[in-house]
Amino acid sequence: MAYGGPDSLDDVAPYLADIRHGRPTSPELIKEIAARYAAIGGKSPLLAITRLQAKRLEKELNNQGDRKFEVFVGMRHWHPYIRDVVETIHSAKIFKIIALCMTPFSSRMTTGAYFEKLESAIKDIYSGAQPEVNYVGPWFKHPKYIQALAQNIKQGLGRFNGYPQAQVPVVFTAHSLPSALAEQGDPYHEQFAELANRVARAAGLTEGQWTAGYQSAGASGERWLGPSLKEMIALLAKNGHKSVLIAPIGFLTDHVEILYDVDIEAKQYANQLGIKLERTPSLNTDKELINAWAQMIIEEKFCG
């Protein structure tokens, strides 16, 4: 299960309406978001990447054991919706479901919302005998995932010709969430902090070379987790840095928060401040990521 994204610029308005639970969206906001998608090719690549992840995961699972696995893709806020996929699963007479969210962390606002959508659909669609449902996650500590991220950082640092690698600051990012969640005991921010520490050690980063913060906060008036990516870039410039490697370790795939918020918006801001900004590539269909998921499923390392 993943968040979802518009398949065309015409889909931006109904996509935002889905996210906002039908609340009106201002024409200005629709125009702004549409411009972001136009800048990255006119649509979100998330569904295509997620489907390819599913295809490769299914192949890996069926190569590892004698059980038969079929991997489906459901989106929270766009087609194919989670409910639609549950219809397909029910029609196939499948009664054992493993739920895997495309995020390594656990949060009421992210994985909690995905699981609620799934549970609601199962309750409505399955009559009589209910399927067995197992929930995977949080899985941010998986060594294969950490190693894949660390390898990307090592390769990313190698792109800074003329800059000693130990002097290039690394900024880890994850998607910001409302600060109120952390104040209510939500584990998201603690899990991200732990992942950043583990990846920094695995990548051999020196003490003081890296920092962690958040990006892509919502437009609501409430407080969101920080520091923001823009604030961290500004601080690096103030301290005299001329380079930075952004490592969005809280994200798995290329989508608007990576291709626009980092590659376009953050890079333009860094250039204005005289900083060369590079980014680690998204894992997307990285073999180690697929193997990590397969291992968790085969060994039935579920939670919740």
C-alpha atoms as a PDB file:
ATOM      1  CA  MET A   1       0.000   0.000   0.000  1.00  0.00           C
ATOM      2  CA  ALA A   2       1.231   3.468  -0.924  1.00  0.00           C
ATOM      3  CA  TYR A   3      -0.045   7.038  -0.773  1.00  0.00           C
ATOM      4  CA  GLY A   4      -1.068   7.523  -4.388  1.00  0.00           C
ATOM      5  CA  GLY A   5      -0.603  10.362  -6.852  1.00  0.00           C
ATOM      6  CA  PRO A   6      -2.341  11.881  -9.890  1.00  0.00           C
ATOM      7  CA  ASP A   7      -1.998  10.139 -13.250  1.00  0.00           C
ATOM      8  CA  SER A   8      -2.303  13.430 -15.153  1.00  0.00           C
ATOM      9  CA  LEU A   9      -2.607  17.162 -14.536  1.00  0.00           C
ATOM     10  CA  ASP A  10      -6.392  16.818 -14.908  1.00  0.00           C
ATOM     11  CA  ASP A  11      -6.350  14.470 -11.919  1.00  0.00           C
ATOM     12  CA  VAL A  12      -4.734  16.990  -9.556  1.00  0.00           C
ATOM     13  CA  ALA A  13      -8.002  18.613  -8.406  1.00  0.00           C
ATOM     14  CA  PRO A  14      -9.870  15.341  -7.637  1.00  0.00           C
ATOM     15  CA  TYR A  15      -6.704  13.909  -6.074  1.00  0.00           C
ATOM     16  CA  LEU A  16      -6.477  16.866  -3.688  1.00  0.00           C
ATOM     17  CA  ALA A  17     -10.197  16.531  -2.956  1.00  0.00           C
ATOM     18  CA  ASP A  18      -9.594  12.933  -1.923  1.00  0.00           C
ATOM     19  CA  ILE A  19      -6.742  13.940   0.376  1.00  0.00           C
ATOM     20  CA  ARG A  20      -8.891  16.703   1.876  1.00  0.00           C
ATOM     21  CA  HIS A  21     -11.876  14.360   2.350  1.00  0.00           C
ATOM     22  CA  GLY A  22     -13.984  16.431  -0.027  1.00  0.00           C
ATOM     23  CA  ARG A  23     -13.246  19.810   1.575  1.00  0.00           C
ATOM     24  CA  PRO A  24     -12.993  22.580  -1.040  1.00  0.00           C
ATOM     25  CA  THR A  25      -9.523  23.247  -2.428  1.00  0.00           C
ATOM     26  CA  SER A  26      -8.667  26.790  -3.462  1.00  0.00           C
ATOM     27  CA  PRO A  27      -7.926  27.349  -7.156  1.00  0.00           C
ATOM     28  CA  GLU A  28      -4.590  28.822  -6.111  1.00  0.00           C
ATOM     29  CA  LEU A  29      -3.535  25.610  -4.342  1.00  0.00           C
ATOM     30  CA  ILE A  30      -4.698  23.432  -7.237  1.00  0.00           C
ATOM     31  CA  LYS A  31      -2.672  25.597  -9.623  1.00  0.00           C
ATOM     32  CA  GLU A  32       0.400  25.430  -7.373  1.00  0.00           C
ATOM     33  CA  ILE A  33       0.298  21.644  -6.997  1.00  0.00           C
ATOM     34  CA  ALA A  34      -0.415  21.138 -10.709  1.00  0.00           C
ATOM     35  CA  ALA A  35       2.651  23.258 -11.520  1.00  0.00           C
ATOM     36  CA  ARG A  36       4.785  20.946  -9.383  1.00  0.00           C
ATOM     37  CA  TYR A  37       3.556  17.874 -11.215  1.00  0.00           C
ATOM     38  CA  ALA A  38       4.008  19.642 -14.562  1.00  0.00           C
ATOM     39  CA  ALA A  39       7.631  20.266 -13.598  1.00  0.00           C
ATOM     40  CA  ILE A  40       8.258  16.542 -13.042  1.00  0.00           C
ATOM     41  CA  GLY A  41       6.592  15.275 -16.195  1.00  0.00           C
ATOM     42  CA  GLY A  42       2.867  15.911 -15.745  1.00  0.00           C
ATOM     43  CA  LYS A  43       2.027  13.036 -13.397  1.00  0.00           C
ATOM     44  CA  SER A  44       3.218  11.080 -10.387  1.00  0.00           C
ATOM     45  CA  PRO A  45       5.576   8.154 -11.092  1.00  0.00           C
ATOM     46  CA  LEU A  46       4.597   6.533  -7.784  1.00  0.00           C
ATOM     47  CA  LEU A  47       2.091   3.986  -9.116  1.00  0.00           C
ATOM     48  CA  ALA A  48       4.374   2.709 -11.879  1.00  0.00           C
ATOM     49  CA  ILE A  49       7.275   2.302  -9.459  1.00  0.00           C
ATOM     50  CA  THR A  50       5.112   0.636  -6.819  1.00  0.00           C
ATOM     51  CA  ARG A  51       3.766  -1.825  -9.379  1.00  0.00           C
ATOM     52  CA  LEU A  52       7.303  -2.695 -10.421  1.00  0.00           C
ATOM     53  CA  GLN A  53       8.260  -3.166  -6.759  1.00  0.00           C
ATOM     54  CA  ALA A  54       5.276  -5.493  -6.371  1.00  0.00           C
ATOM     55  CA  LYS A  55       6.226  -7.501  -9.459  1.00  0.00           C
ATOM     56  CA  ARG A  56       9.786  -8.003  -8.258  1.00  0.00           C
ATOM     57  CA  LEU A  57       8.701  -8.799  -4.711  1.00  0.00           C
ATOM     58  CA  GLU A  58       6.261 -11.418  -5.992  1.00  0.00           C
ATOM     59  CA  LYS A  59       9.007 -13.046  -8.056  1.00  0.00           C
ATOM     60  CA  GLU A  60      11.407 -13.042  -5.097  1.00  0.00           C
ATOM     61  CA  LEU A  61       8.816 -14.526  -2.737  1.00  0.00           C
ATOM     62  CA  ASN A  62       7.889 -17.316  -5.127  1.00  0.00           C
ATOM     63  CA  ASN A  63      11.548 -18.132  -5.720  1.00  0.00           C
ATOM     64  CA  GLN A  64      12.243 -18.593  -2.013  1.00  0.00           C
ATOM     65  CA  GLY A  65       9.671 -21.147  -0.869  1.00  0.00           C
ATOM     66  CA  ASP A  66       6.934 -23.583  -1.722  1.00  0.00           C
ATOM     67  CA  ARG A  67       4.073 -21.258  -0.845  1.00  0.00           C
ATOM     68  CA  LYS A  68       2.404 -19.271  -3.623  1.00  0.00           C
ATOM     69  CA  PHE A  69       2.371 -15.508  -3.247  1.00  0.00           C
ATOM     70  CA  GLU A  70       0.534 -12.890  -5.261  1.00  0.00           C
ATOM     71  CA  VAL A  71       1.370  -9.232  -4.653  1.00  0.00           C
ATOM     72  CA  PHE A  72      -1.306  -6.556  -5.180  1.00  0.00           C
ATOM     73  CA  VAL A  73      -0.983  -2.764  -5.158  1.00  0.00           C
ATOM     74  CA  GLY A  74      -3.473  -0.474  -3.430  1.00  0.00           C
ATOM     75  CA  MET A  75      -3.310   3.310  -3.019  1.00  0.00           C
ATOM     76  CA  ARG A  76      -4.692   5.337  -0.150  1.00  0.00           C
ATOM     77  CA  HIS A  77      -5.651   8.470  -2.089  1.00  0.00           C
ATOM     78  CA  TRP A  78      -5.844   7.501  -5.769  1.00  0.00           C
ATOM     79  CA  HIS A  79      -6.464   4.668  -8.179  1.00  0.00           C
ATOM     80  CA  PRO A  80      -6.219   1.767  -7.677  1.00  0.00           C
ATOM     81  CA  TYR A  81      -7.711   2.400  -4.256  1.00  0.00           C
ATOM     82  CA  ILE A  82      -7.118  -0.056  -1.420  1.00  0.00           C
ATOM     83  CA  ARG A  83     -10.832  -0.877  -1.446  1.00  0.00           C
ATOM     84  CA  ASP A  84     -10.717  -1.749  -5.156  1.00  0.00           C
ATOM     85  CA  VAL A  85      -7.797  -4.096  -4.608  1.00  0.00           C
ATOM     86  CA  VAL A  86      -9.582  -5.821  -1.724  1.00  0.00           C
ATOM     87  CA  GLU A  87     -12.437  -6.490  -4.169  1.00  0.00           C
ATOM     88  CA  THR A  88      -9.953  -8.193  -6.482  1.00  0.00           C
ATOM     89  CA  ILE A  89      -8.425 -10.203  -3.638  1.00  0.00           C
ATOM     90  CA  HIS A  90     -11.868 -11.310  -2.477  1.00  0.00           C
ATOM     91  CA  SER A  91     -12.857 -12.347  -5.998  1.00  0.00           C
ATOM     92  CA  ALA A  92      -9.712 -14.476  -6.146  1.00  0.00           C
ATOM     93  CA  LYS A  93     -10.899 -16.283  -2.982  1.00  0.00           C
ATOM     94  CA  ILE A  94      -7.789 -15.322  -1.027  1.00  0.00           C
ATOM     95  CA  PHE A  95      -8.128 -15.644   2.736  1.00  0.00           C
ATOM     96  CA  LYS A  96      -4.616 -14.894   3.954  1.00  0.00           C
ATOM     97  CA  ILE A  97      -3.451 -11.298   3.515  1.00  0.00           C
ATOM     98  CA  ILE A  98      -0.121  -9.710   4.415  1.00  0.00           C
ATOM     99  CA  ALA A  99      -0.297  -5.902   4.606  1.00  0.00           C
ATOM    100  CA  LEU A 100       2.900  -4.034   3.740  1.00  0.00           C
ATOM    101  CA  CYS A 101       3.030  -0.219   3.707  1.00  0.00           C
ATOM    102  CA  MET A 102       5.571   1.595   1.561  1.00  0.00           C
ATOM    103  CA  THR A 103       7.076   3.345   4.579  1.00  0.00           C
ATOM    104  CA  PRO A 104       9.590   1.928   7.061  1.00  0.00           C
ATOM    105  CA  PHE A 105       8.067   3.767  10.016  1.00  0.00           C
ATOM    106  CA  SER A 106       4.938   3.463  12.115  1.00  0.00           C
ATOM    107  CA  SER A 107       2.566   6.368  12.717  1.00  0.00           C
ATOM    108  CA  ARG A 108      -1.109   6.849  13.352  1.00  0.00           C
ATOM    109  CA  MET A 109      -1.192   9.314  10.444  1.00  0.00           C
ATOM    110  CA  THR A 110       0.573   7.023   7.948  1.00  0.00           C
ATOM    111  CA  THR A 111       0.517   3.263   8.542  1.00  0.00           C
ATOM    112  CA  GLY A 112      -2.445   3.629  10.894  1.00  0.00           C
ATOM    113  CA  ALA A 113      -4.478   5.261   8.124  1.00  0.00           C
ATOM    114  CA  TYR A 114      -3.487   2.597   5.581  1.00  0.00           C
ATOM    115  CA  PHE A 115      -4.448  -0.233   7.907  1.00  0.00           C
ATOM    116  CA  GLU A 116      -7.775   1.425   8.728  1.00  0.00           C
ATOM    117  CA  LYS A 117      -8.589   1.655   5.005  1.00  0.00           C
ATOM    118  CA  LEU A 118      -7.716  -2.021   4.575  1.00  0.00           C
ATOM    119  CA  GLU A 119      -9.697  -3.167   7.598  1.00  0.00           C
ATOM    120  CA  SER A 120     -12.739  -1.149   6.568  1.00  0.00           C
ATOM    121  CA  ALA A 121     -12.657  -2.598   3.056  1.00  0.00           C
ATOM    122  CA  ILE A 122     -12.301  -6.167   4.326  1.00  0.00           C
ATOM    123  CA  LYS A 123     -15.201  -5.708   6.729  1.00  0.00           C
ATOM    124  CA  ASP A 124     -17.443  -4.392   3.948  1.00  0.00           C
ATOM    125  CA  ILE A 125     -16.406  -6.789   1.188  1.00  0.00           C
ATOM    126  CA  TYR A 126     -15.815 -10.113   2.915  1.00  0.00           C
ATOM    127  CA  SER A 127     -19.030 -11.679   4.171  1.00  0.00           C
ATOM    128  CA  GLY A 128     -18.997 -14.724   6.377  1.00  0.00           C
ATOM    129  CA  ALA A 129     -15.488 -16.083   6.888  1.00  0.00           C
ATOM    130  CA  GLN A 130     -12.981 -13.288   7.385  1.00  0.00           C
ATOM    131  CA  PRO A 131      -9.421 -13.476   6.019  1.00  0.00           C
ATOM    132  CA  GLU A 132      -6.362 -13.789   8.219  1.00  0.00           C
ATOM    133  CA  VAL A 133      -4.540 -10.455   8.063  1.00  0.00           C
ATOM    134  CA  ASN A 134      -0.934  -9.884   9.152  1.00  0.00           C
ATOM    135  CA  TYR A 135       0.610  -6.422   9.280  1.00  0.00           C
ATOM    136  CA  VAL A 136       4.288  -5.868   8.462  1.00  0.00           C
ATOM    137  CA  GLY A 137       6.223  -3.141  10.203  1.00  0.00           C
ATOM    138  CA  PRO A 138       7.764  -0.973  11.359  1.00  0.00           C
ATOM    139  CA  TRP A 139      10.823  -2.287   9.521  1.00  0.00           C
ATOM    140  CA  PHE A 140      13.269   0.654   9.607  1.00  0.00           C
ATOM    141  CA  LYS A 141      15.851  -1.452  11.493  1.00  0.00           C
ATOM    142  CA  HIS A 142      16.182  -4.095   8.781  1.00  0.00           C
ATOM    143  CA  PRO A 143      19.914  -4.444   8.000  1.00  0.00           C
ATOM    144  CA  LYS A 144      19.393  -4.835   4.243  1.00  0.00           C
ATOM    145  CA  TYR A 145      17.439  -1.570   4.125  1.00  0.00           C
ATOM    146  CA  ILE A 146      20.061   0.251   6.185  1.00  0.00           C
ATOM    147  CA  GLN A 147      22.896  -1.119   4.059  1.00  0.00           C
ATOM    148  CA  ALA A 148      21.179  -0.051   0.829  1.00  0.00           C
ATOM    149  CA  LEU A 149      20.774   3.498   2.155  1.00  0.00           C
ATOM    150  CA  ALA A 150      24.372   3.593   3.399  1.00  0.00           C
ATOM    151  CA  GLN A 151      25.690   2.451   0.022  1.00  0.00           C
ATOM    152  CA  ASN A 152      23.765   5.236  -1.715  1.00  0.00           C
ATOM    153  CA  ILE A 153      25.344   7.790   0.622  1.00  0.00           C
ATOM    154  CA  LYS A 154      28.854   6.514  -0.089  1.00  0.00           C
ATOM    155  CA  GLN A 155      28.191   6.762  -3.814  1.00  0.00           C
ATOM    156  CA  GLY A 156      26.616  10.199  -3.408  1.00  0.00           C
ATOM    157  CA  LEU A 157      29.616  11.591  -1.589  1.00  0.00           C
ATOM    158  CA  GLY A 158      31.774  10.429  -4.482  1.00  0.00           C
ATOM    159  CA  ARG A 159      30.022  12.911  -6.778  1.00  0.00           C
ATOM    160  CA  PHE A 160      31.576  15.917  -5.035  1.00  0.00           C
ATOM    161  CA  ASN A 161      34.761  16.317  -7.048  1.00  0.00           C
ATOM    162  CA  GLY A 162      37.145  18.700  -5.350  1.00  0.00           C
ATOM    163  CA  TYR A 163      35.438  18.373  -1.973  1.00  0.00           C
ATOM    164  CA  PRO A 164      36.970  16.104   0.708  1.00  0.00           C
ATOM    165  CA  GLN A 165      34.199  13.574   1.410  1.00  0.00           C
ATOM    166  CA  ALA A 166      34.559  13.920   5.177  1.00  0.00           C
ATOM    167  CA  GLN A 167      33.820  17.642   4.815  1.00  0.00           C
ATOM    168  CA  VAL A 168      30.620  17.282   2.779  1.00  0.00           C
ATOM    169  CA  PRO A 169      27.652  17.572   5.162  1.00  0.00           C
ATOM    170  CA  VAL A 170      24.888  15.007   4.814  1.00  0.00           C
ATOM    171  CA  VAL A 171      21.274  15.920   5.594  1.00  0.00           C
ATOM    172  CA  PHE A 172      18.843  13.076   6.262  1.00  0.00           C
ATOM    173  CA  THR A 173      15.181  13.842   5.645  1.00  0.00           C
ATOM    174  CA  ALA A 174      11.783  12.273   6.176  1.00  0.00           C
ATOM    175  CA  HIS A 175       8.297  13.611   5.471  1.00  0.00           C
ATOM    176  CA  SER A 176       7.218  16.046   8.173  1.00  0.00           C
ATOM    177  CA  LEU A 177       4.121  15.315  10.244  1.00  0.00           C
ATOM    178  CA  PRO A 178       2.174  17.539  12.662  1.00  0.00           C
ATOM    179  CA  SER A 179       4.149  18.077  15.874  1.00  0.00           C
ATOM    180  CA  ALA A 180       1.085  17.216  17.923  1.00  0.00           C
ATOM    181  CA  LEU A 181       1.533  13.559  16.987  1.00  0.00           C
ATOM    182  CA  ALA A 182       4.928  13.395  18.689  1.00  0.00           C
ATOM    183  CA  GLU A 183       3.533  15.151  21.732  1.00  0.00           C
ATOM    184  CA  GLN A 184       0.854  12.445  21.910  1.00  0.00           C
ATOM    185  CA  GLY A 185       3.433   9.650  21.905  1.00  0.00           C
ATOM    186  CA  ASP A 186       3.454   8.776  18.194  1.00  0.00           C
ATOM    187  CA  PRO A 187       6.761   6.914  17.502  1.00  0.00           C
ATOM    188  CA  TYR A 188       7.434   8.319  14.014  1.00  0.00           C
ATOM    189  CA  HIS A 189      10.024  10.954  14.972  1.00  0.00           C
ATOM    190  CA  GLU A 190      11.904   8.584  17.273  1.00  0.00           C
ATOM    191  CA  GLN A 191      12.056   5.889  14.596  1.00  0.00           C
ATOM    192  CA  PHE A 192      13.379   8.369  12.035  1.00  0.00           C
ATOM    193  CA  ALA A 193      16.051   9.580  14.469  1.00  0.00           C
ATOM    194  CA  GLU A 194      17.141   5.998  15.130  1.00  0.00           C
ATOM    195  CA  LEU A 195      17.264   5.187  11.419  1.00  0.00           C
ATOM    196  CA  ALA A 196      19.408   8.275  10.767  1.00  0.00           C
ATOM    197  CA  ASN A 197      21.864   7.182  13.462  1.00  0.00           C
ATOM    198  CA  ARG A 198      22.062   3.632  12.106  1.00  0.00           C
ATOM    199  CA  VAL A 199      22.551   4.751   8.500  1.00  0.00           C
ATOM    200  CA  ALA A 200      25.201   7.319   9.475  1.00  0.00           C
ATOM    201  CA  ARG A 201      27.200   4.616  11.259  1.00  0.00           C
ATOM    202  CA  ALA A 202      26.815   2.176   8.368  1.00  0.00           C
ATOM    203  CA  ALA A 203      27.956   4.834   5.887  1.00  0.00           C
ATOM    204  CA  GLY A 204      30.981   5.727   8.014  1.00  0.00           C
ATOM    205  CA  LEU A 205      29.997   9.358   8.455  1.00  0.00           C
ATOM    206  CA  THR A 206      32.089  11.302  10.905  1.00  0.00           C
ATOM    207  CA  GLU A 207      30.651  12.880  14.030  1.00  0.00           C
ATOM    208  CA  GLY A 208      29.200  16.256  13.180  1.00  0.00           C
ATOM    209  CA  GLN A 209      29.122  15.507   9.442  1.00  0.00           C
ATOM    210  CA  TRP A 210      25.433  14.744   9.328  1.00  0.00           C
ATOM    211  CA  THR A 211      22.151  16.117  10.606  1.00  0.00           C
ATOM    212  CA  ALA A 212      18.505  15.130  10.293  1.00  0.00           C
ATOM    213  CA  GLY A 213      15.294  17.031   9.703  1.00  0.00           C
ATOM    214  CA  TYR A 214      12.066  17.079   7.773  1.00  0.00           C
ATOM    215  CA  GLN A 215      10.665  18.196   4.447  1.00  0.00           C
ATOM    216  CA  SER A 216       7.397  18.617   2.570  1.00  0.00           C
ATOM    217  CA  ALA A 217       5.316  19.823   5.523  1.00  0.00           C
ATOM    218  CA  GLY A 218       1.630  20.397   4.916  1.00  0.00           C
ATOM    219  CA  ALA A 219       0.089  23.816   4.351  1.00  0.00           C
ATOM    220  CA  SER A 220      -2.071  23.760   7.492  1.00  0.00           C
ATOM    221  CA  GLY A 221      -1.590  26.345  10.195  1.00  0.00           C
ATOM    222  CA  GLU A 222      -0.505  23.812  12.836  1.00  0.00           C
ATOM    223  CA  ARG A 223       3.106  23.194  13.861  1.00  0.00           C
ATOM    224  CA  TRP A 224       4.982  20.505  11.913  1.00  0.00           C
ATOM    225  CA  LEU A 225       8.083  18.533  12.819  1.00  0.00           C
ATOM    226  CA  GLY A 226      11.333  20.374  12.114  1.00  0.00           C
ATOM    227  CA  PRO A 227      13.872  21.630  11.382  1.00  0.00           C
ATOM    228  CA  SER A 228      12.820  21.941   7.774  1.00  0.00           C
ATOM    229  CA  LEU A 229      15.091  21.175   4.853  1.00  0.00           C
ATOM    230  CA  LYS A 230      15.196  24.859   3.929  1.00  0.00           C
ATOM    231  CA  GLU A 231      16.221  25.807   7.462  1.00  0.00           C
ATOM    232  CA  MET A 232      19.004  23.224   7.441  1.00  0.00           C
ATOM    233  CA  ILE A 233      20.351  24.440   4.095  1.00  0.00           C
ATOM    234  CA  ALA A 234      20.302  28.045   5.359  1.00  0.00           C
ATOM    235  CA  LEU A 235      22.255  27.022   8.469  1.00  0.00           C
ATOM    236  CA  LEU A 236      24.863  25.230   6.369  1.00  0.00           C
ATOM    237  CA  ALA A 237      25.310  28.369   4.262  1.00  0.00           C
ATOM    238  CA  LYS A 238      25.611  30.507   7.404  1.00  0.00           C
ATOM    239  CA  ASN A 239      28.352  28.186   8.663  1.00  0.00           C
ATOM    240  CA  GLY A 240      30.301  28.532   5.421  1.00  0.00           C
ATOM    241  CA  HIS A 241      29.527  25.221   3.719  1.00  0.00           C
ATOM    242  CA  LYS A 242      29.601  25.088  -0.077  1.00  0.00           C
ATOM    243  CA  SER A 243      28.197  21.590  -0.582  1.00  0.00           C
ATOM    244  CA  VAL A 244      25.520  19.291   0.825  1.00  0.00           C
ATOM    245  CA  LEU A 245      24.281  15.772   0.139  1.00  0.00           C
ATOM    246  CA  ILE A 246      20.566  15.314   0.786  1.00  0.00           C
ATOM    247  CA  ALA A 247      19.634  11.751   1.774  1.00  0.00           C
ATOM    248  CA  PRO A 248      15.818  11.390   1.920  1.00  0.00           C
ATOM    249  CA  ILE A 249      16.009   8.123   3.868  1.00  0.00           C
ATOM    250  CA  GLY A 250      12.390   8.358   4.990  1.00  0.00           C
ATOM    251  CA  PHE A 251      11.201   7.937   1.388  1.00  0.00           C
ATOM    252  CA  LEU A 252      11.395   4.784  -0.730  1.00  0.00           C
ATOM    253  CA  THR A 253      10.471   5.926  -4.230  1.00  0.00           C
ATOM    254  CA  ASP A 254      10.677   8.845  -6.610  1.00  0.00           C
ATOM    255  CA  HIS A 255       7.585  11.037  -6.377  1.00  0.00           C
ATOM    256  CA  VAL A 256       6.764  14.732  -6.111  1.00  0.00           C
ATOM    257  CA  GLU A 257       8.295  15.166  -2.639  1.00  0.00           C
ATOM    258  CA  ILE A 258      11.622  13.998  -4.073  1.00  0.00           C
ATOM    259  CA  LEU A 259      11.576  15.069  -7.715  1.00  0.00           C
ATOM    260  CA  TYR A 260      10.187  18.548  -7.008  1.00  0.00           C
ATOM    261  CA  ASP A 261      10.691  19.390  -3.328  1.00  0.00           C
ATOM    262  CA  VAL A 262      14.353  18.286  -3.327  1.00  0.00           C
ATOM    263  CA  ASP A 263      15.539  18.174  -6.934  1.00  0.00           C
ATOM    264  CA  ILE A 264      13.982  21.480  -7.964  1.00  0.00           C
ATOM    265  CA  GLU A 265      12.909  23.598  -4.986  1.00  0.00           C
ATOM    266  CA  ALA A 266      15.684  22.746  -2.507  1.00  0.00           C
ATOM    267  CA  LYS A 267      18.364  22.750  -5.198  1.00  0.00           C
ATOM    268  CA  GLN A 268      17.333  26.210  -6.417  1.00  0.00           C
ATOM    269  CA  TYR A 269      17.396  27.527  -2.854  1.00  0.00           C
ATOM    270  CA  ALA A 270      20.833  26.010  -2.229  1.00  0.00           C
ATOM    271  CA  ASN A 271      22.167  27.518  -5.467  1.00  0.00           C
ATOM    272  CA  GLN A 272      20.983  30.956  -4.359  1.00  0.00           C
ATOM    273  CA  LEU A 273      23.054  30.515  -1.203  1.00  0.00           C
ATOM    274  CA  GLY A 274      26.139  29.336  -3.096  1.00  0.00           C
ATOM    275  CA  ILE A 275      25.788  25.675  -2.122  1.00  0.00           C
ATOM    276  CA  LYS A 276      26.163  22.711  -4.469  1.00  0.00           C
ATOM    277  CA  LEU A 277      23.327  20.298  -3.627  1.00  0.00           C
ATOM    278  CA  GLU A 278      23.279  16.647  -4.615  1.00  0.00           C
ATOM    279  CA  ARG A 279      20.805  13.932  -3.629  1.00  0.00           C
ATOM    280  CA  THR A 280      21.107  10.216  -3.031  1.00  0.00           C
ATOM    281  CA  PRO A 281      18.992   8.188  -5.472  1.00  0.00           C
ATOM    282  CA  SER A 282      15.707   6.724  -4.271  1.00  0.00           C
ATOM    283  CA  LEU A 283      15.810   2.991  -3.619  1.00  0.00           C
ATOM    284  CA  ASN A 284      12.803   2.324  -5.878  1.00  0.00           C
ATOM    285  CA  THR A 285      13.361  -1.314  -6.941  1.00  0.00           C
ATOM    286  CA  ASP A 286      16.750  -1.745  -5.253  1.00  0.00           C
ATOM    287  CA  LYS A 287      17.496  -5.451  -4.850  1.00  0.00           C
ATOM    288  CA  GLU A 288      18.354  -5.130  -1.158  1.00  0.00           C
ATOM    289  CA  LEU A 289      15.049  -3.374  -0.460  1.00  0.00           C
ATOM    290  CA  ILE A 290      13.074  -6.109  -2.254  1.00  0.00           C
ATOM    291  CA  ASN A 291      15.073  -8.792  -0.433  1.00  0.00           C
ATOM    292  CA  ALA A 292      14.357  -7.130   2.911  1.00  0.00           C
ATOM    293  CA  TRP A 293      10.612  -7.253   2.301  1.00  0.00           C
ATOM    294  CA  ALA A 294      10.784 -10.844   1.088  1.00  0.00           C
ATOM    295  CA  GLN A 295      12.756 -11.897   4.147  1.00  0.00           C
ATOM    296  CA  MET A 296      10.256 -10.301   6.527  1.00  0.00           C
ATOM    297  CA  ILE A 297       7.338 -12.004   4.780  1.00  0.00           C
ATOM    298  CA  ILE A 298       8.932 -15.431   4.394  1.00  0.00           C
ATOM    299  CA  GLU A 299      10.032 -15.422   8.051  1.00  0.00           C
ATOM    300  CA  GLU A 300       6.648 -13.967   9.103  1.00  0.00           C
ATOM    301  CA  LYS A 301       8.164 -11.060  11.013  1.00  0.00           C
ATOM    302  CA  PHE A 302       4.869  -9.275  11.471  1.00  0.00           C
ATOM    303  CA  CYS A 303       3.596  -6.939  14.139  1.00  0.00           C
ATOM    304  CA  GLY A 304       0.314  -5.465  15.350  1.00  0.00           C
END
